[in-house]
């Protein structure tokens, strides 16, 4: 094979490879942009849906009924996703559970003082709305009360009292939840 033909073919193949690589990169950028746009649309839908759902409940139910329903949903969420079953594996050992949660929440974001456990979340951990930009009506955070009741109730084997001290969805910089183990 002559050198000129070899070099022309090699350079042509390299150029084609570069173009293919550039086209793939452009396609990936377009895919990423399309995914981002789709996610933004989905997040807007979720925020709108949950906001409307809460507004409709507010029209149809008393405040106590609404809060009770939202908290029950939180308890169901914890049970349906296997969390209460996992928590039971700690056999009531609250300190062992707290130690297991520290890597997920942060070293100082879960602590126990006697019969009181304080949880601090740097971001909203709700799978449904946690990453959705915007603020939901404050009633939504009662779901966290029910979720926390289910988790600590499964851990201790008895009913616990949960108090929301602050939530990101209500405009606070962090979520803070206190659990009275009783």
N, C-alpha and C. Protein backbone atom coordinates (compact mmCIF):
# COMPACT_ATOMS: atom_id res chain seq x y z
N UNK A 1 0.85 -1.17 0.00
CA UNK A 1 0.00 0.00 0.00
C UNK A 1 0.90 1.23 0.00
N UNK A 2 0.52 2.19 -0.77
CA UNK A 2 1.31 3.40 -0.85
C UNK A 2 1.04 4.25 0.38
N UNK A 3 2.10 4.94 0.77
CA UNK A 3 2.04 5.77 1.97
C UNK A 3 0.93 6.81 1.89
N UNK A 4 0.74 7.48 0.77
CA UNK A 4 -0.25 8.53 0.59
C UNK A 4 -1.65 7.96 0.79
N UNK A 5 -1.92 6.81 0.23
CA UNK A 5 -3.24 6.19 0.37
C UNK A 5 -3.47 5.80 1.83
N UNK A 6 -2.42 5.25 2.46
CA UNK A 6 -2.52 4.85 3.87
C UNK A 6 -2.82 6.06 4.74
N UNK A 7 -2.06 7.15 4.58
CA UNK A 7 -2.25 8.35 5.39
C UNK A 7 -3.62 8.98 5.15
N UNK A 8 -4.06 9.02 3.90
CA UNK A 8 -5.36 9.60 3.58
C UNK A 8 -6.47 8.79 4.26
N UNK A 9 -6.36 7.47 4.19
CA UNK A 9 -7.36 6.61 4.82
C UNK A 9 -7.33 6.75 6.33
N UNK A 10 -6.13 6.79 6.90
CA UNK A 10 -5.99 6.91 8.35
C UNK A 10 -6.53 8.24 8.84
N UNK A 11 -6.17 9.31 8.14
CA UNK A 11 -6.66 10.64 8.53
C UNK A 11 -8.17 10.71 8.36
N UNK A 12 -8.67 10.13 7.30
CA UNK A 12 -10.12 10.12 7.07
C UNK A 12 -10.84 9.36 8.17
N UNK A 13 -10.28 8.22 8.57
CA UNK A 13 -10.89 7.43 9.64
C UNK A 13 -10.84 8.19 10.97
N UNK A 14 -9.72 8.87 11.21
CA UNK A 14 -9.59 9.64 12.45
C UNK A 14 -10.61 10.78 12.47
N UNK A 15 -10.75 11.44 11.33
CA UNK A 15 -11.72 12.54 11.23
C UNK A 15 -13.14 12.02 11.44
N UNK A 16 -13.42 10.88 10.81
CA UNK A 16 -14.75 10.31 10.97
C UNK A 16 -14.99 9.92 12.42
N UNK A 17 -13.98 9.35 13.05
CA UNK A 17 -14.10 8.96 14.46
C UNK A 17 -14.33 10.17 15.34
N UNK A 18 -13.62 11.26 15.04
CA UNK A 18 -13.79 12.48 15.81
C UNK A 18 -15.21 13.02 15.63
N UNK A 19 -15.69 13.00 14.39
CA UNK A 19 -17.05 13.48 14.13
C UNK A 19 -18.08 12.61 14.83
N UNK A 20 -17.86 11.30 14.81
CA UNK A 20 -18.78 10.41 15.50
C UNK A 20 -18.76 10.70 16.99
N UNK A 21 -17.55 10.87 17.53
CA UNK A 21 -17.42 11.20 18.96
C UNK A 21 -18.11 12.52 19.29
N UNK A 22 -17.92 13.52 18.42
CA UNK A 22 -18.57 14.82 18.65
C UNK A 22 -20.09 14.68 18.55
N UNK A 23 -20.54 13.88 17.58
CA UNK A 23 -21.98 13.68 17.44
C UNK A 23 -22.55 12.96 18.66
N UNK A 24 -21.82 11.98 19.18
CA UNK A 24 -22.28 11.29 20.39
C UNK A 24 -22.34 12.26 21.56
N UNK A 25 -21.30 13.11 21.69
CA UNK A 25 -21.28 14.09 22.77
C UNK A 25 -22.46 15.06 22.64
N UNK A 26 -22.71 15.51 21.40
CA UNK A 26 -23.84 16.42 21.18
C UNK A 26 -25.16 15.71 21.50
N UNK A 27 -25.27 14.45 21.10
CA UNK A 27 -26.49 13.70 21.37
C UNK A 27 -26.67 13.53 22.88
N UNK A 28 -25.57 13.26 23.60
CA UNK A 28 -25.67 13.11 25.04
C UNK A 28 -26.07 14.42 25.70
N UNK A 29 -25.52 15.54 25.20
CA UNK A 29 -25.90 16.85 25.74
C UNK A 29 -27.38 17.11 25.48
N UNK A 30 -27.83 16.78 24.25
CA UNK A 30 -29.24 16.98 23.93
C UNK A 30 -30.11 16.07 24.78
N UNK A 31 -29.67 14.80 24.98
CA UNK A 31 -30.41 13.88 25.84
C UNK A 31 -30.47 14.42 27.27
N UNK A 32 -29.35 14.92 27.76
CA UNK A 32 -29.31 15.46 29.12
C UNK A 32 -30.24 16.66 29.24
N UNK A 33 -30.21 17.52 28.24
CA UNK A 33 -31.09 18.70 28.25
C UNK A 33 -32.55 18.27 28.19
N UNK A 34 -32.84 17.26 27.36
CA UNK A 34 -34.21 16.77 27.24
C UNK A 34 -34.66 16.13 28.55
N UNK A 35 -33.75 15.36 29.19
CA UNK A 35 -34.08 14.74 30.47
C UNK A 35 -34.31 15.80 31.54
N UNK A 36 -33.46 16.81 31.55
CA UNK A 36 -33.60 17.88 32.53
C UNK A 36 -34.92 18.62 32.34
N UNK A 37 -35.29 18.87 31.10
CA UNK A 37 -36.55 19.54 30.80
C UNK A 37 -37.72 18.66 31.22
N UNK A 38 -37.62 17.36 30.94
CA UNK A 38 -38.69 16.43 31.31
C UNK A 38 -38.82 16.35 32.84
N UNK A 39 -37.68 16.31 33.54
CA UNK A 39 -37.70 16.26 35.00
C UNK A 39 -38.31 17.54 35.58
N UNK A 40 -37.95 18.68 35.01
CA UNK A 40 -38.52 19.95 35.49
C UNK A 40 -40.03 19.94 35.31
N UNK A 41 -40.50 19.43 34.18
CA UNK A 41 -41.94 19.34 33.95
C UNK A 41 -42.61 18.40 34.94
N UNK A 42 -41.96 17.27 35.22
CA UNK A 42 -42.50 16.30 36.18
C UNK A 42 -42.55 16.91 37.57
N UNK A 43 -41.49 17.61 37.96
CA UNK A 43 -41.45 18.25 39.28
C UNK A 43 -42.55 19.29 39.41
N UNK A 44 -42.77 20.06 38.36
CA UNK A 44 -43.82 21.07 38.38
C UNK A 44 -45.18 20.40 38.54
N UNK A 45 -45.36 19.28 37.84
CA UNK A 45 -46.61 18.53 37.94
C UNK A 45 -46.81 18.01 39.37
N UNK A 46 -45.77 17.41 39.95
CA UNK A 46 -45.87 16.86 41.31
C UNK A 46 -46.22 17.96 42.30
N UNK A 47 -45.53 19.08 42.22
CA UNK A 47 -45.79 20.18 43.14
C UNK A 47 -47.23 20.66 42.99
N UNK A 48 -47.69 20.80 41.76
CA UNK A 48 -49.06 21.24 41.52
C UNK A 48 -50.09 20.23 42.01
N UNK A 49 -49.81 18.94 41.75
CA UNK A 49 -50.74 17.89 42.15
C UNK A 49 -50.87 17.83 43.67
N UNK A 50 -49.74 17.81 44.36
CA UNK A 50 -49.78 17.71 45.82
C UNK A 50 -50.42 18.95 46.42
N UNK A 51 -50.12 20.12 45.87
CA UNK A 51 -50.72 21.35 46.37
C UNK A 51 -52.24 21.32 46.19
N UNK A 52 -52.71 20.87 45.02
CA UNK A 52 -54.15 20.77 44.77
C UNK A 52 -54.79 19.73 45.69
N UNK A 53 -54.11 18.61 45.88
CA UNK A 53 -54.62 17.55 46.76
C UNK A 53 -54.82 18.08 48.17
N UNK A 54 -53.84 18.82 48.67
CA UNK A 54 -53.95 19.39 50.01
C UNK A 54 -55.07 20.43 50.07
N UNK A 55 -55.19 21.26 49.05
CA UNK A 55 -56.25 22.28 49.03
C UNK A 55 -57.63 21.61 49.01
N UNK A 56 -57.77 20.54 48.24
CA UNK A 56 -59.05 19.83 48.17
C UNK A 56 -59.38 19.16 49.50
N UNK A 57 -58.38 18.59 50.15
CA UNK A 57 -58.63 18.01 51.47
C UNK A 57 -59.04 19.08 52.46
N UNK A 58 -58.41 20.25 52.37
CA UNK A 58 -58.71 21.35 53.28
C UNK A 58 -60.17 21.79 53.12
N UNK A 59 -60.68 21.74 51.88
CA UNK A 59 -62.07 22.11 51.63
C UNK A 59 -63.05 21.08 52.15
N UNK A 60 -62.68 19.82 52.10
CA UNK A 60 -63.61 18.73 52.40
C UNK A 60 -63.52 18.18 53.83
N UNK A 61 -62.40 18.39 54.49
CA UNK A 61 -62.17 17.78 55.80
C UNK A 61 -61.91 18.84 56.87
N UNK A 62 -62.17 18.46 58.10
CA UNK A 62 -61.78 19.35 59.20
C UNK A 62 -60.26 19.31 59.29
N UNK A 63 -59.67 20.27 59.98
CA UNK A 63 -58.21 20.31 60.13
C UNK A 63 -57.70 19.02 60.78
N UNK A 64 -58.40 18.54 61.80
CA UNK A 64 -57.98 17.31 62.49
C UNK A 64 -58.06 16.10 61.57
N UNK A 65 -59.12 16.02 60.77
CA UNK A 65 -59.26 14.90 59.83
C UNK A 65 -58.17 14.94 58.77
N UNK A 66 -57.90 16.12 58.26
CA UNK A 66 -56.87 16.28 57.24
C UNK A 66 -55.50 15.86 57.77
N UNK A 67 -55.14 16.38 58.94
CA UNK A 67 -53.85 16.05 59.54
C UNK A 67 -53.78 14.56 59.83
N UNK A 68 -54.87 13.99 60.34
CA UNK A 68 -54.91 12.56 60.62
C UNK A 68 -54.68 11.72 59.37
N UNK A 69 -55.30 12.12 58.28
CA UNK A 69 -55.15 11.39 57.02
C UNK A 69 -53.72 11.49 56.49
N UNK A 70 -53.15 12.67 56.56
CA UNK A 70 -51.77 12.87 56.07
C UNK A 70 -50.79 12.07 56.94
N UNK A 71 -50.99 12.09 58.25
CA UNK A 71 -50.11 11.31 59.13
C UNK A 71 -50.25 9.81 58.86
N UNK A 72 -51.47 9.36 58.63
CA UNK A 72 -51.69 7.94 58.31
C UNK A 72 -50.96 7.57 57.02
N UNK A 73 -50.97 8.48 56.07
CA UNK A 73 -50.24 8.25 54.82
C UNK A 73 -48.74 8.09 55.10
N UNK A 74 -48.21 8.88 56.01
CA UNK A 74 -46.80 8.77 56.38
C UNK A 74 -46.49 7.43 57.03
N UNK A 75 -47.40 6.98 57.89
CA UNK A 75 -47.20 5.66 58.52
C UNK A 75 -47.22 4.56 57.46
N UNK A 76 -48.14 4.67 56.52
CA UNK A 76 -48.21 3.69 55.44
C UNK A 76 -46.96 3.71 54.58
N UNK A 77 -46.45 4.88 54.32
CA UNK A 77 -45.23 5.02 53.52
C UNK A 77 -44.07 4.26 54.18
N UNK A 78 -43.90 4.44 55.47
CA UNK A 78 -42.81 3.77 56.18
C UNK A 78 -43.00 2.25 56.13
N UNK A 79 -44.22 1.79 56.29
CA UNK A 79 -44.49 0.34 56.28
C UNK A 79 -44.36 -0.23 54.87
N UNK A 80 -44.91 0.46 53.88
CA UNK A 80 -44.93 -0.05 52.51
C UNK A 80 -43.56 -0.13 51.87
N UNK A 81 -42.61 0.64 52.36
CA UNK A 81 -41.27 0.63 51.77
C UNK A 81 -40.29 -0.20 52.60
N UNK A 82 -40.82 -0.99 53.51
CA UNK A 82 -40.00 -1.94 54.26
C UNK A 82 -39.21 -1.36 55.41
N UNK A 83 -39.40 -0.09 55.69
CA UNK A 83 -38.60 0.54 56.73
C UNK A 83 -38.97 0.04 58.12
N UNK A 84 -40.25 -0.12 58.38
CA UNK A 84 -40.62 -0.59 59.72
C UNK A 84 -40.12 -2.02 59.96
N UNK A 85 -40.10 -2.84 58.92
CA UNK A 85 -39.57 -4.20 59.07
C UNK A 85 -38.07 -4.15 59.37
N UNK A 86 -37.34 -3.28 58.69
CA UNK A 86 -35.89 -3.13 58.92
C UNK A 86 -35.63 -2.64 60.34
N UNK A 87 -36.41 -1.68 60.79
CA UNK A 87 -36.23 -1.10 62.11
C UNK A 87 -36.45 -2.15 63.20
N UNK A 88 -37.38 -3.05 62.98
CA UNK A 88 -37.65 -4.11 63.96
C UNK A 88 -36.43 -5.01 64.16
N UNK A 89 -35.55 -5.06 63.16
CA UNK A 89 -34.35 -5.91 63.28
C UNK A 89 -33.39 -5.39 64.37
N UNK A 90 -33.61 -4.18 64.86
CA UNK A 90 -32.77 -3.63 65.93
C UNK A 90 -33.24 -4.10 67.31
N UNK A 91 -34.34 -4.83 67.35
CA UNK A 91 -34.86 -5.42 68.60
C UNK A 91 -34.97 -4.41 69.74
N UNK A 92 -35.44 -3.21 69.43
CA UNK A 92 -35.66 -2.21 70.45
C UNK A 92 -34.42 -1.44 70.89
N UNK A 93 -33.27 -1.75 70.30
CA UNK A 93 -32.02 -1.07 70.68
C UNK A 93 -31.95 0.30 69.99
N UNK A 94 -32.43 1.30 70.69
CA UNK A 94 -32.52 2.66 70.14
C UNK A 94 -31.15 3.21 69.80
N UNK A 95 -30.17 3.00 70.66
CA UNK A 95 -28.83 3.54 70.41
C UNK A 95 -28.18 2.89 69.18
N UNK A 96 -28.41 1.61 69.00
CA UNK A 96 -27.88 0.91 67.83
C UNK A 96 -28.54 1.45 66.55
N UNK A 97 -29.85 1.71 66.62
CA UNK A 97 -30.56 2.30 65.48
C UNK A 97 -30.02 3.69 65.17
N UNK A 98 -29.83 4.49 66.19
CA UNK A 98 -29.29 5.84 65.99
C UNK A 98 -27.91 5.77 65.35
N UNK A 99 -27.08 4.87 65.80
CA UNK A 99 -25.74 4.70 65.22
C UNK A 99 -25.84 4.30 63.74
N UNK A 100 -26.81 3.46 63.41
CA UNK A 100 -26.99 3.04 62.02
C UNK A 100 -27.49 4.19 61.14
N UNK A 101 -28.21 5.13 61.73
CA UNK A 101 -28.75 6.26 60.97
C UNK A 101 -27.76 7.39 60.77
N UNK A 102 -26.76 7.49 61.62
CA UNK A 102 -25.80 8.61 61.54
C UNK A 102 -25.13 8.75 60.17
N UNK A 103 -24.70 7.67 59.53
CA UNK A 103 -24.09 7.84 58.20
C UNK A 103 -25.05 8.43 57.16
N UNK A 104 -26.35 8.23 57.35
CA UNK A 104 -27.35 8.73 56.40
C UNK A 104 -27.78 10.16 56.69
N UNK A 105 -27.81 10.51 57.97
CA UNK A 105 -28.32 11.83 58.35
C UNK A 105 -27.22 12.83 58.70
N UNK A 106 -26.06 12.32 59.07
CA UNK A 106 -24.98 13.18 59.54
C UNK A 106 -24.73 12.89 61.01
N UNK A 107 -23.48 12.96 61.39
CA UNK A 107 -23.06 12.58 62.73
C UNK A 107 -23.85 13.29 63.84
N UNK A 108 -24.10 14.58 63.66
CA UNK A 108 -24.77 15.36 64.71
C UNK A 108 -26.25 15.58 64.44
N UNK A 109 -26.80 14.93 63.39
CA UNK A 109 -28.18 15.19 63.01
C UNK A 109 -29.19 14.21 63.60
N UNK A 110 -28.71 13.30 64.41
CA UNK A 110 -29.62 12.44 65.17
C UNK A 110 -28.97 12.21 66.53
N UNK A 111 -29.72 12.56 67.55
CA UNK A 111 -29.15 12.43 68.90
C UNK A 111 -30.25 12.07 69.89
N UNK A 112 -29.81 11.45 70.94
CA UNK A 112 -30.74 11.02 71.99
C UNK A 112 -30.37 11.69 73.29
N UNK A 113 -31.38 12.19 73.99
CA UNK A 113 -31.20 12.73 75.33
C UNK A 113 -32.29 12.09 76.19
N UNK A 114 -31.94 11.01 76.85
CA UNK A 114 -32.91 10.28 77.66
C UNK A 114 -33.98 9.65 76.79
N UNK A 115 -35.23 10.07 77.03
CA UNK A 115 -36.34 9.49 76.26
C UNK A 115 -36.70 10.34 75.04
N UNK A 116 -35.86 11.35 74.74
CA UNK A 116 -36.13 12.21 73.59
C UNK A 116 -35.05 12.00 72.52
N UNK A 117 -35.51 11.81 71.27
CA UNK A 117 -34.60 11.71 70.13
C UNK A 117 -34.88 12.91 69.23
N UNK A 118 -33.83 13.60 68.82
CA UNK A 118 -33.96 14.73 67.91
C UNK A 118 -33.34 14.35 66.58
N UNK A 119 -34.10 14.59 65.52
CA UNK A 119 -33.65 14.33 64.15
C UNK A 119 -33.57 15.67 63.42
N UNK A 120 -32.48 15.89 62.71
CA UNK A 120 -32.32 17.10 61.91
C UNK A 120 -31.98 16.66 60.49
N UNK A 121 -32.74 17.17 59.54
CA UNK A 121 -32.52 16.85 58.13
C UNK A 121 -32.05 18.10 57.41
N UNK A 122 -30.92 17.99 56.73
CA UNK A 122 -30.38 19.13 55.98
C UNK A 122 -31.15 19.40 54.69
N UNK A 123 -31.90 18.39 54.26
CA UNK A 123 -32.75 18.54 53.07
C UNK A 123 -34.00 17.71 53.29
N UNK A 124 -35.03 18.02 52.56
CA UNK A 124 -36.27 17.25 52.65
C UNK A 124 -36.00 15.86 52.07
N UNK A 125 -36.20 14.83 52.86
CA UNK A 125 -35.90 13.46 52.44
C UNK A 125 -37.09 12.74 51.83
N UNK A 126 -38.21 13.40 51.72
CA UNK A 126 -39.39 12.77 51.13
C UNK A 126 -39.10 12.40 49.68
N UNK A 127 -39.26 11.13 49.37
CA UNK A 127 -39.01 10.64 48.02
C UNK A 127 -39.91 11.31 47.00
N UNK A 128 -41.12 11.63 47.38
CA UNK A 128 -42.08 12.21 46.46
C UNK A 128 -41.76 13.66 46.11
N UNK A 129 -41.43 14.46 47.10
CA UNK A 129 -41.28 15.90 46.85
C UNK A 129 -39.96 16.50 47.28
N UNK A 130 -39.07 15.71 47.84
CA UNK A 130 -37.83 16.24 48.40
C UNK A 130 -36.98 17.06 47.45
N UNK A 131 -36.89 16.63 46.20
CA UNK A 131 -36.06 17.35 45.23
C UNK A 131 -36.84 18.31 44.36
N UNK A 132 -38.13 18.44 44.62
CA UNK A 132 -38.96 19.32 43.81
C UNK A 132 -38.78 20.75 44.30
N UNK A 133 -38.34 21.64 43.41
CA UNK A 133 -38.17 23.03 43.85
C UNK A 133 -39.53 23.67 44.13
N UNK A 134 -39.56 24.52 45.13
CA UNK A 134 -40.80 25.18 45.52
C UNK A 134 -41.17 24.76 46.92
N UNK A 135 -42.16 25.41 47.44
CA UNK A 135 -42.60 25.13 48.80
C UNK A 135 -44.04 24.64 48.76
N UNK A 136 -44.27 23.59 49.48
CA UNK A 136 -45.62 23.04 49.59
C UNK A 136 -46.33 23.65 50.79
N UNK A 137 -47.65 23.53 50.81
CA UNK A 137 -48.36 23.94 52.02
C UNK A 137 -47.84 23.17 53.22
N UNK A 138 -47.77 23.83 54.35
CA UNK A 138 -47.19 23.24 55.55
C UNK A 138 -47.85 21.96 56.03
N UNK A 139 -49.12 21.77 55.69
CA UNK A 139 -49.81 20.56 56.12
C UNK A 139 -49.12 19.29 55.60
N UNK A 140 -48.48 19.39 54.46
CA UNK A 140 -47.84 18.22 53.87
C UNK A 140 -46.84 17.57 54.84
N UNK A 141 -46.19 18.37 55.64
CA UNK A 141 -45.15 17.86 56.53
C UNK A 141 -45.69 16.99 57.66
N UNK A 142 -47.00 16.94 57.83
CA UNK A 142 -47.56 16.02 58.80
C UNK A 142 -47.32 14.57 58.38
N UNK A 143 -47.03 14.38 57.12
CA UNK A 143 -46.65 13.05 56.64
C UNK A 143 -45.40 12.57 57.39
N UNK A 144 -44.48 13.48 57.63
CA UNK A 144 -43.26 13.16 58.38
C UNK A 144 -43.59 12.73 59.80
N UNK A 145 -44.59 13.34 60.40
CA UNK A 145 -45.00 12.94 61.75
C UNK A 145 -45.42 11.48 61.73
N UNK A 146 -46.29 11.11 60.80
CA UNK A 146 -46.75 9.72 60.72
C UNK A 146 -45.61 8.76 60.41
N UNK A 147 -44.74 9.15 59.49
CA UNK A 147 -43.60 8.32 59.10
C UNK A 147 -42.71 8.07 60.32
N UNK A 148 -42.43 9.13 61.07
CA UNK A 148 -41.56 9.02 62.24
C UNK A 148 -42.23 8.20 63.34
N UNK A 149 -43.54 8.37 63.51
CA UNK A 149 -44.27 7.56 64.48
C UNK A 149 -44.16 6.08 64.13
N UNK A 150 -44.30 5.76 62.86
CA UNK A 150 -44.23 4.36 62.43
C UNK A 150 -42.84 3.79 62.67
N UNK A 151 -41.82 4.55 62.33
CA UNK A 151 -40.45 4.05 62.48
C UNK A 151 -40.10 3.84 63.95
N UNK A 152 -40.31 4.86 64.77
CA UNK A 152 -39.93 4.73 66.18
C UNK A 152 -40.92 3.84 66.96
N UNK A 153 -42.16 3.78 66.50
CA UNK A 153 -43.11 2.85 67.10
C UNK A 153 -42.69 1.41 66.85
N UNK A 154 -42.24 1.13 65.62
CA UNK A 154 -41.75 -0.22 65.29
C UNK A 154 -40.49 -0.54 66.08
N UNK A 155 -39.65 0.45 66.28
CA UNK A 155 -38.41 0.26 67.01
C UNK A 155 -38.67 -0.04 68.49
N UNK A 156 -39.55 0.74 69.10
CA UNK A 156 -39.78 0.61 70.54
C UNK A 156 -40.91 -0.36 70.90
N UNK A 157 -41.77 -0.66 69.93
CA UNK A 157 -42.90 -1.53 70.20
C UNK A 157 -44.04 -0.83 70.90
N UNK A 158 -44.02 0.51 70.91
CA UNK A 158 -45.12 1.26 71.54
C UNK A 158 -45.31 2.59 70.82
N UNK A 159 -46.42 3.24 71.10
CA UNK A 159 -46.71 4.53 70.47
C UNK A 159 -45.72 5.59 70.97
N UNK A 160 -45.33 6.47 70.07
CA UNK A 160 -44.42 7.56 70.43
C UNK A 160 -45.07 8.88 70.04
N UNK A 161 -44.63 9.94 70.69
CA UNK A 161 -45.12 11.29 70.37
C UNK A 161 -44.08 11.97 69.49
N UNK A 162 -44.54 12.56 68.39
CA UNK A 162 -43.65 13.23 67.45
C UNK A 162 -44.06 14.69 67.32
N UNK A 163 -43.09 15.58 67.40
CA UNK A 163 -43.33 17.01 67.31
C UNK A 163 -42.44 17.61 66.22
N UNK A 164 -43.08 18.25 65.22
CA UNK A 164 -42.32 18.96 64.19
C UNK A 164 -41.90 20.31 64.73
N UNK A 165 -40.61 20.54 64.81
CA UNK A 165 -40.10 21.82 65.30
C UNK A 165 -39.83 22.79 64.14
N UNK A 166 -39.59 22.25 62.95
CA UNK A 166 -39.35 23.07 61.77
C UNK A 166 -39.23 22.17 60.56
N UNK A 167 -39.63 22.70 59.40
CA UNK A 167 -39.50 21.93 58.17
C UNK A 167 -39.07 22.82 57.01
N UNK A 168 -38.33 22.24 56.12
CA UNK A 168 -37.85 22.96 54.93
C UNK A 168 -39.04 23.39 54.07
N UNK A 169 -40.02 22.49 53.91
CA UNK A 169 -41.18 22.83 53.08
C UNK A 169 -41.98 23.99 53.66
N UNK A 170 -41.81 24.25 54.95
CA UNK A 170 -42.49 25.40 55.58
C UNK A 170 -41.60 26.63 55.62
N UNK A 171 -40.43 26.52 55.00
CA UNK A 171 -39.55 27.68 54.89
C UNK A 171 -38.40 27.71 55.87
N UNK A 172 -38.27 26.71 56.72
CA UNK A 172 -37.16 26.67 57.67
C UNK A 172 -35.90 26.16 56.96
N UNK A 173 -34.71 26.51 57.46
CA UNK A 173 -33.48 26.07 56.80
C UNK A 173 -33.26 24.55 56.88
N UNK A 174 -33.83 23.91 57.90
CA UNK A 174 -33.68 22.46 58.08
C UNK A 174 -34.98 21.91 58.64
N UNK A 175 -35.15 20.60 58.49
CA UNK A 175 -36.25 19.93 59.16
C UNK A 175 -35.75 19.50 60.53
N UNK A 176 -36.56 19.72 61.55
CA UNK A 176 -36.21 19.26 62.89
C UNK A 176 -37.43 18.57 63.48
N UNK A 177 -37.21 17.33 63.92
CA UNK A 177 -38.28 16.51 64.45
C UNK A 177 -37.84 15.99 65.81
N UNK A 178 -38.73 16.09 66.79
CA UNK A 178 -38.44 15.55 68.11
C UNK A 178 -39.38 14.38 68.37
N UNK A 179 -38.80 13.31 68.88
CA UNK A 179 -39.55 12.11 69.19
C UNK A 179 -39.46 11.86 70.70
N UNK A 180 -40.62 11.78 71.33
CA UNK A 180 -40.69 11.45 72.75
C UNK A 180 -41.00 9.96 72.83
N UNK A 181 -40.03 9.19 73.30
CA UNK A 181 -40.16 7.73 73.33
C UNK A 181 -41.08 7.25 74.44
N UNK A 182 -41.28 8.08 75.46
CA UNK A 182 -42.21 7.77 76.53
C UNK A 182 -41.74 6.84 77.55
